[in-house]
């Protein structure tokens, strides 16, 4: 957005600014001045279109939209259902989905297992294969089929449950099963244990969001 910001600085109105919102993402704030509220809103609407043309599918919502409400809305629009399986995120993915408006009829359920061997009993996925991209992909397909959903996402990895350093990083694997499409991504997530779990949830949801809108954008955090 640097070029656009420079152009707006010369014009003086409207303006762009950024607000970091932790795991919820980076907000692009558009501010406009005009004689009436309607005129100011018209300036904001035009600038929002300009920003979208530059930033593209990295934008997932407007105002107070969360990643999970954006994903649930896409699923509902396409008449699709979702199931999830978690190891490394410890149930946070299920919690965020069930807390979000619009989950009823879309989110079919999930499994959170910390003893990896239970996945073999419940889903037929061997515990020694979980901590890999292939394991996450297999797990996403297995939980989708178990809950008879249209889509499945999985988070797994080798995160150290004792990690507390804010500058720590851990490898998390994200799995996605959407129709005939299966994929997995390896991401390196920053922060202490709590932040790694939170970033893992957002990253998994964003992977699903991007594929629902037909984007081939990579989901990478390093």
C-alpha atoms as a PDB file:
ATOM      1  CA  UNK A   1       0.000   0.000   0.000  1.00  0.00           C
ATOM      2  CA  UNK A   2       2.988   2.354   0.075  1.00  0.00           C
ATOM      3  CA  UNK A   3       2.225   3.912  -3.309  1.00  0.00           C
ATOM      4  CA  UNK A   4      -1.403   4.447  -2.408  1.00  0.00           C
ATOM      5  CA  UNK A   5      -0.493   6.021   0.935  1.00  0.00           C
ATOM      6  CA  UNK A   6       1.891   8.434  -0.786  1.00  0.00           C
ATOM      7  CA  UNK A   7      -0.846   9.459  -3.221  1.00  0.00           C
ATOM      8  CA  UNK A   8      -3.304  10.050  -0.386  1.00  0.00           C
ATOM      9  CA  UNK A   9      -0.710  12.043   1.562  1.00  0.00           C
ATOM     10  CA  UNK A  10      -0.473  14.396  -1.384  1.00  0.00           C
ATOM     11  CA  UNK A  11      -4.258  14.655  -1.672  1.00  0.00           C
ATOM     12  CA  UNK A  12      -4.812  14.984   2.089  1.00  0.00           C
ATOM     13  CA  UNK A  13      -8.162  13.177   2.238  1.00  0.00           C
ATOM     14  CA  UNK A  14      -8.977  10.365   2.889  1.00  0.00           C
ATOM     15  CA  UNK A  15      -6.085   8.780   4.831  1.00  0.00           C
ATOM     16  CA  UNK A  16      -4.896   5.248   5.625  1.00  0.00           C
ATOM     17  CA  UNK A  17      -3.445   3.988   8.888  1.00  0.00           C
ATOM     18  CA  UNK A  18      -2.710   0.601  10.408  1.00  0.00           C
ATOM     19  CA  UNK A  19      -3.793  -0.954  13.693  1.00  0.00           C
ATOM     20  CA  UNK A  20      -2.184  -4.176  14.887  1.00  0.00           C
ATOM     21  CA  UNK A  21      -4.780  -6.438  16.511  1.00  0.00           C
ATOM     22  CA  UNK A  22      -2.703  -9.375  17.668  1.00  0.00           C
ATOM     23  CA  UNK A  23      -3.872 -12.743  16.392  1.00  0.00           C
ATOM     24  CA  UNK A  24      -6.953 -11.118  14.862  1.00  0.00           C
ATOM     25  CA  UNK A  25      -4.835  -9.539  12.136  1.00  0.00           C
ATOM     26  CA  UNK A  26      -3.798  -6.129  10.937  1.00  0.00           C
ATOM     27  CA  UNK A  27      -6.514  -3.530  10.460  1.00  0.00           C
ATOM     28  CA  UNK A  28      -6.344  -0.996   7.657  1.00  0.00           C
ATOM     29  CA  UNK A  29      -8.172   2.069   8.927  1.00  0.00           C
ATOM     30  CA  UNK A  30      -9.681   4.454   6.397  1.00  0.00           C
ATOM     31  CA  UNK A  31     -10.546   7.937   7.639  1.00  0.00           C
ATOM     32  CA  UNK A  32     -12.316  10.595   5.591  1.00  0.00           C
ATOM     33  CA  UNK A  33     -13.440  14.166   6.203  1.00  0.00           C
ATOM     34  CA  UNK A  34     -16.431  15.781   4.525  1.00  0.00           C
ATOM     35  CA  UNK A  35     -19.245  18.257   5.152  1.00  0.00           C
ATOM     36  CA  UNK A  36     -21.766  15.447   5.742  1.00  0.00           C
ATOM     37  CA  UNK A  37     -21.626  11.896   7.033  1.00  0.00           C
ATOM     38  CA  UNK A  38     -22.948  10.603   3.720  1.00  0.00           C
ATOM     39  CA  UNK A  39     -20.198  12.365   1.792  1.00  0.00           C
ATOM     40  CA  UNK A  40     -17.536  11.020   4.163  1.00  0.00           C
ATOM     41  CA  UNK A  41     -18.944   7.501   3.805  1.00  0.00           C
ATOM     42  CA  UNK A  42     -18.837   7.814   0.020  1.00  0.00           C
ATOM     43  CA  UNK A  43     -15.134   8.705   0.226  1.00  0.00           C
ATOM     44  CA  UNK A  44     -14.507   5.733   2.504  1.00  0.00           C
ATOM     45  CA  UNK A  45     -16.395   3.370   0.174  1.00  0.00           C
ATOM     46  CA  UNK A  46     -14.364   4.501  -2.828  1.00  0.00           C
ATOM     47  CA  UNK A  47     -11.117   4.159  -0.906  1.00  0.00           C
ATOM     48  CA  UNK A  48     -12.101   0.734   0.368  1.00  0.00           C
ATOM     49  CA  UNK A  49     -12.504  -0.396  -3.249  1.00  0.00           C
ATOM     50  CA  UNK A  50      -9.023   0.981  -4.042  1.00  0.00           C
ATOM     51  CA  UNK A  51      -7.496  -0.838  -1.061  1.00  0.00           C
ATOM     52  CA  UNK A  52      -9.206  -4.100  -1.997  1.00  0.00           C
ATOM     53  CA  UNK A  53      -7.867  -3.857  -5.537  1.00  0.00           C
ATOM     54  CA  UNK A  54      -4.327  -3.658  -4.106  1.00  0.00           C
ATOM     55  CA  UNK A  55      -4.460  -5.994  -1.107  1.00  0.00           C
ATOM     56  CA  UNK A  56      -6.813  -8.541  -2.668  1.00  0.00           C
ATOM     57  CA  UNK A  57      -7.771 -11.755  -0.921  1.00  0.00           C
ATOM     58  CA  UNK A  58      -5.633 -11.081   2.148  1.00  0.00           C
ATOM     59  CA  UNK A  59      -8.644  -9.031   3.325  1.00  0.00           C
ATOM     60  CA  UNK A  60     -11.088 -11.303   5.162  1.00  0.00           C
ATOM     61  CA  UNK A  61     -13.598  -8.823   6.581  1.00  0.00           C
ATOM     62  CA  UNK A  62     -14.706  -5.331   7.468  1.00  0.00           C
ATOM     63  CA  UNK A  63     -15.109  -3.630  10.843  1.00  0.00           C
ATOM     64  CA  UNK A  64     -15.580  -6.308  13.536  1.00  0.00           C
ATOM     65  CA  UNK A  65     -15.566  -9.399  11.303  1.00  0.00           C
ATOM     66  CA  UNK A  66     -13.488 -12.200  12.837  1.00  0.00           C
ATOM     67  CA  UNK A  67     -11.769 -14.944  10.870  1.00  0.00           C
ATOM     68  CA  UNK A  68     -14.200 -17.570  12.141  1.00  0.00           C
ATOM     69  CA  UNK A  69     -17.317 -15.546  11.308  1.00  0.00           C
ATOM     70  CA  UNK A  70     -15.920 -14.919   7.823  1.00  0.00           C
ATOM     71  CA  UNK A  71     -15.276 -18.652   7.308  1.00  0.00           C
ATOM     72  CA  UNK A  72     -18.677 -19.689   8.671  1.00  0.00           C
ATOM     73  CA  UNK A  73     -20.401 -17.177   6.385  1.00  0.00           C
ATOM     74  CA  UNK A  74     -18.575 -18.601   3.355  1.00  0.00           C
ATOM     75  CA  UNK A  75     -19.517 -22.138   4.326  1.00  0.00           C
ATOM     76  CA  UNK A  76     -23.155 -21.206   4.845  1.00  0.00           C
ATOM     77  CA  UNK A  77     -23.248 -19.349   1.533  1.00  0.00           C
ATOM     78  CA  UNK A  78     -21.954 -22.470  -0.233  1.00  0.00           C
ATOM     79  CA  UNK A  79     -24.163 -24.809   1.837  1.00  0.00           C
ATOM     80  CA  UNK A  80     -21.146 -26.663   3.220  1.00  0.00           C
ATOM     81  CA  UNK A  81     -20.452 -28.118   6.658  1.00  0.00           C
ATOM     82  CA  UNK A  82     -17.201 -28.323   8.641  1.00  0.00           C
ATOM     83  CA  UNK A  83     -15.501 -30.632  11.134  1.00  0.00           C
ATOM     84  CA  UNK A  84     -12.131 -30.136  12.832  1.00  0.00           C
ATOM     85  CA  UNK A  85      -9.446 -32.218  14.538  1.00  0.00           C
ATOM     86  CA  UNK A  86      -6.850 -30.737  16.894  1.00  0.00           C
ATOM     87  CA  UNK A  87      -3.753 -31.770  18.741  1.00  0.00           C
ATOM     88  CA  UNK A  88      -1.459 -28.770  19.032  1.00  0.00           C
ATOM     89  CA  UNK A  89      -4.239 -26.148  19.375  1.00  0.00           C
ATOM     90  CA  UNK A  90      -5.873 -28.002  22.256  1.00  0.00           C
ATOM     91  CA  UNK A  91      -9.544 -27.308  21.514  1.00  0.00           C
ATOM     92  CA  UNK A  92      -9.175 -23.589  20.792  1.00  0.00           C
ATOM     93  CA  UNK A  93     -10.311 -24.039  17.195  1.00  0.00           C
ATOM     94  CA  UNK A  94     -13.539 -25.740  18.279  1.00  0.00           C
ATOM     95  CA  UNK A  95     -14.103 -23.090  20.937  1.00  0.00           C
ATOM     96  CA  UNK A  96     -13.769 -20.182  18.544  1.00  0.00           C
ATOM     97  CA  UNK A  97     -16.097 -21.788  16.023  1.00  0.00           C
ATOM     98  CA  UNK A  98     -18.795 -22.640  18.561  1.00  0.00           C
ATOM     99  CA  UNK A  99     -18.606 -19.153  20.078  1.00  0.00           C
ATOM    100  CA  UNK A 100     -19.167 -17.485  16.699  1.00  0.00           C
ATOM    101  CA  UNK A 101     -22.606 -16.452  15.433  1.00  0.00           C
ATOM    102  CA  UNK A 102     -23.703 -18.620  12.530  1.00  0.00           C
ATOM    103  CA  UNK A 103     -22.073 -21.866  13.679  1.00  0.00           C
ATOM    104  CA  UNK A 104     -25.385 -23.752  13.975  1.00  0.00           C
ATOM    105  CA  UNK A 105     -25.977 -26.000  11.013  1.00  0.00           C
ATOM    106  CA  UNK A 106     -22.493 -25.351   9.626  1.00  0.00           C
ATOM    107  CA  UNK A 107     -20.029 -26.584  12.241  1.00  0.00           C
ATOM    108  CA  UNK A 108     -20.716 -30.288  12.762  1.00  0.00           C
ATOM    109  CA  UNK A 109     -18.170 -30.850  15.545  1.00  0.00           C
ATOM    110  CA  UNK A 110     -14.579 -31.610  16.328  1.00  0.00           C
ATOM    111  CA  UNK A 111     -12.092 -33.740  18.193  1.00  0.00           C
ATOM    112  CA  UNK A 112      -9.336 -32.586  20.511  1.00  0.00           C
ATOM    113  CA  UNK A 113      -6.860 -35.243  21.551  1.00  0.00           C
ATOM    114  CA  UNK A 114      -3.638 -34.718  23.453  1.00  0.00           C
ATOM    115  CA  UNK A 115      -2.791 -38.436  23.670  1.00  0.00           C
ATOM    116  CA  UNK A 116      -1.933 -38.948  20.017  1.00  0.00           C
ATOM    117  CA  UNK A 117      -2.539 -42.694  20.035  1.00  0.00           C
ATOM    118  CA  UNK A 118      -6.263 -42.075  20.461  1.00  0.00           C
ATOM    119  CA  UNK A 119      -6.432 -40.740  16.914  1.00  0.00           C
ATOM    120  CA  UNK A 120      -5.590 -44.214  15.703  1.00  0.00           C
ATOM    121  CA  UNK A 121      -8.499 -45.637  17.709  1.00  0.00           C
ATOM    122  CA  UNK A 122     -11.015 -42.963  16.727  1.00  0.00           C
ATOM    123  CA  UNK A 123      -9.988 -41.949  13.209  1.00  0.00           C
ATOM    124  CA  UNK A 124      -7.579 -44.605  12.049  1.00  0.00           C
ATOM    125  CA  UNK A 125      -4.625 -42.196  11.911  1.00  0.00           C
ATOM    126  CA  UNK A 126      -1.382 -43.545  13.372  1.00  0.00           C
ATOM    127  CA  UNK A 127       0.112 -41.350  16.101  1.00  0.00           C
ATOM    128  CA  UNK A 128       3.628 -41.584  14.672  1.00  0.00           C
ATOM    129  CA  UNK A 129       2.388 -39.974  11.436  1.00  0.00           C
ATOM    130  CA  UNK A 130       0.644 -36.979  12.997  1.00  0.00           C
ATOM    131  CA  UNK A 131       3.586 -34.604  13.375  1.00  0.00           C
ATOM    132  CA  UNK A 132       3.961 -34.067   9.640  1.00  0.00           C
ATOM    133  CA  UNK A 133       2.230 -32.356   6.742  1.00  0.00           C
ATOM    134  CA  UNK A 134       1.028 -35.726   5.469  1.00  0.00           C
ATOM    135  CA  UNK A 135      -0.388 -36.544   8.914  1.00  0.00           C
ATOM    136  CA  UNK A 136      -2.296 -33.264   9.086  1.00  0.00           C
ATOM    137  CA  UNK A 137      -3.744 -33.846   5.631  1.00  0.00           C
ATOM    138  CA  UNK A 138      -4.826 -37.388   6.512  1.00  0.00           C
ATOM    139  CA  UNK A 139      -6.302 -36.185   9.800  1.00  0.00           C
ATOM    140  CA  UNK A 140      -8.358 -33.481   8.063  1.00  0.00           C
ATOM    141  CA  UNK A 141      -9.850 -36.032   5.672  1.00  0.00           C
ATOM    142  CA  UNK A 142     -10.516 -38.520   8.479  1.00  0.00           C
ATOM    143  CA  UNK A 143     -12.377 -36.048  10.709  1.00  0.00           C
ATOM    144  CA  UNK A 144     -14.373 -34.777   7.742  1.00  0.00           C
ATOM    145  CA  UNK A 145     -15.521 -38.309   7.003  1.00  0.00           C
ATOM    146  CA  UNK A 146     -16.115 -39.161  10.673  1.00  0.00           C
ATOM    147  CA  UNK A 147     -18.519 -36.242  11.126  1.00  0.00           C
ATOM    148  CA  UNK A 148     -19.959 -36.596   7.604  1.00  0.00           C
ATOM    149  CA  UNK A 149     -19.016 -33.010   6.832  1.00  0.00           C
ATOM    150  CA  UNK A 150     -18.102 -31.387   3.527  1.00  0.00           C
ATOM    151  CA  UNK A 151     -14.825 -29.933   4.797  1.00  0.00           C
ATOM    152  CA  UNK A 152     -12.300 -30.877   7.431  1.00  0.00           C
ATOM    153  CA  UNK A 153      -9.378 -28.962   8.892  1.00  0.00           C
ATOM    154  CA  UNK A 154      -6.716 -30.212  11.273  1.00  0.00           C
ATOM    155  CA  UNK A 155      -3.948 -28.722  13.382  1.00  0.00           C
ATOM    156  CA  UNK A 156      -1.086 -30.857  14.565  1.00  0.00           C
ATOM    157  CA  UNK A 157       2.617 -30.520  15.210  1.00  0.00           C
ATOM    158  CA  UNK A 158       5.408 -30.824  17.699  1.00  0.00           C
ATOM    159  CA  UNK A 159       4.795 -27.825  19.940  1.00  0.00           C
ATOM    160  CA  UNK A 160       6.502 -27.967  23.339  1.00  0.00           C
ATOM    161  CA  UNK A 161       3.826 -27.622  26.009  1.00  0.00           C
ATOM    162  CA  UNK A 162       6.415 -26.197  28.424  1.00  0.00           C
ATOM    163  CA  UNK A 163       7.506 -23.367  26.110  1.00  0.00           C
ATOM    164  CA  UNK A 164       6.940 -19.956  27.675  1.00  0.00           C
ATOM    165  CA  UNK A 165       9.434 -17.683  25.928  1.00  0.00           C
ATOM    166  CA  UNK A 166       7.810 -14.928  23.908  1.00  0.00           C
ATOM    167  CA  UNK A 167      10.433 -15.307  21.186  1.00  0.00           C
ATOM    168  CA  UNK A 168       9.987 -19.068  20.822  1.00  0.00           C
ATOM    169  CA  UNK A 169       8.807 -20.644  17.562  1.00  0.00           C
ATOM    170  CA  UNK A 170       7.143 -23.957  16.882  1.00  0.00           C
ATOM    171  CA  UNK A 171       6.274 -25.925  13.793  1.00  0.00           C
ATOM    172  CA  UNK A 172       2.565 -26.463  13.257  1.00  0.00           C
ATOM    173  CA  UNK A 173       1.009 -28.462  10.443  1.00  0.00           C
ATOM    174  CA  UNK A 174      -2.319 -27.422   8.951  1.00  0.00           C
ATOM    175  CA  UNK A 175      -4.432 -29.960   7.099  1.00  0.00           C
ATOM    176  CA  UNK A 176      -7.382 -29.300   4.802  1.00  0.00           C
ATOM    177  CA  UNK A 177      -9.877 -31.644   3.150  1.00  0.00           C
ATOM    178  CA  UNK A 178     -12.414 -29.874   0.944  1.00  0.00           C
ATOM    179  CA  UNK A 179     -14.274 -32.105  -1.473  1.00  0.00           C
ATOM    180  CA  UNK A 180     -11.633 -33.889  -3.537  1.00  0.00           C
ATOM    181  CA  UNK A 181      -9.023 -31.292  -2.585  1.00  0.00           C
ATOM    182  CA  UNK A 182      -6.495 -32.364   0.057  1.00  0.00           C
ATOM    183  CA  UNK A 183      -3.550 -30.271   1.178  1.00  0.00           C
ATOM    184  CA  UNK A 184      -1.311 -29.483   4.109  1.00  0.00           C
ATOM    185  CA  UNK A 185       0.939 -26.617   5.058  1.00  0.00           C
ATOM    186  CA  UNK A 186       3.855 -26.346   7.467  1.00  0.00           C
ATOM    187  CA  UNK A 187       4.039 -23.040   9.322  1.00  0.00           C
ATOM    188  CA  UNK A 188       6.509 -21.695  11.863  1.00  0.00           C
ATOM    189  CA  UNK A 189       4.563 -19.768  14.473  1.00  0.00           C
ATOM    190  CA  UNK A 190       6.005 -17.229  16.922  1.00  0.00           C
ATOM    191  CA  UNK A 191       5.461 -16.553  20.601  1.00  0.00           C
ATOM    192  CA  UNK A 192       4.830 -18.532  23.743  1.00  0.00           C
ATOM    193  CA  UNK A 193       2.611 -21.597  23.931  1.00  0.00           C
ATOM    194  CA  UNK A 194      -0.637 -19.621  24.125  1.00  0.00           C
ATOM    195  CA  UNK A 195       0.201 -17.442  21.136  1.00  0.00           C
ATOM    196  CA  UNK A 196       1.342 -20.406  19.057  1.00  0.00           C
ATOM    197  CA  UNK A 197      -2.026 -22.072  19.648  1.00  0.00           C
ATOM    198  CA  UNK A 198      -3.885 -18.881  18.739  1.00  0.00           C
ATOM    199  CA  UNK A 199      -1.872 -18.280  15.580  1.00  0.00           C
ATOM    200  CA  UNK A 200      -2.371 -21.942  14.632  1.00  0.00           C
ATOM    201  CA  UNK A 201      -6.140 -21.559  14.829  1.00  0.00           C
ATOM    202  CA  UNK A 202      -6.182 -18.377  12.747  1.00  0.00           C
ATOM    203  CA  UNK A 203      -3.840 -19.910  10.170  1.00  0.00           C
ATOM    204  CA  UNK A 204      -5.985 -23.045   9.794  1.00  0.00           C
ATOM    205  CA  UNK A 205      -9.163 -21.022   9.363  1.00  0.00           C
ATOM    206  CA  UNK A 206      -7.465 -18.734   6.876  1.00  0.00           C
ATOM    207  CA  UNK A 207      -6.297 -21.704   4.810  1.00  0.00           C
ATOM    208  CA  UNK A 208      -9.905 -22.882   4.542  1.00  0.00           C
ATOM    209  CA  UNK A 209     -11.116 -19.347   3.759  1.00  0.00           C
ATOM    210  CA  UNK A 210      -8.660 -18.938   0.910  1.00  0.00           C
ATOM    211  CA  UNK A 211      -9.611 -22.228  -0.686  1.00  0.00           C
ATOM    212  CA  UNK A 212     -13.325 -21.496  -0.340  1.00  0.00           C
ATOM    213  CA  UNK A 213     -12.863 -18.297  -2.356  1.00  0.00           C
ATOM    214  CA  UNK A 214     -10.669 -20.084  -4.891  1.00  0.00           C
ATOM    215  CA  UNK A 215      -7.387 -18.426  -3.961  1.00  0.00           C
ATOM    216  CA  UNK A 216      -4.056 -20.217  -4.294  1.00  0.00           C
ATOM    217  CA  UNK A 217      -2.362 -17.789  -1.912  1.00  0.00           C
ATOM    218  CA  UNK A 218       0.175 -19.405   0.406  1.00  0.00           C
ATOM    219  CA  UNK A 219      -0.520 -19.453   4.146  1.00  0.00           C
ATOM    220  CA  UNK A 220       2.860 -18.747   5.716  1.00  0.00           C
ATOM    221  CA  UNK A 221       3.907 -17.292   9.047  1.00  0.00           C
ATOM    222  CA  UNK A 222       7.603 -17.297   9.906  1.00  0.00           C
END
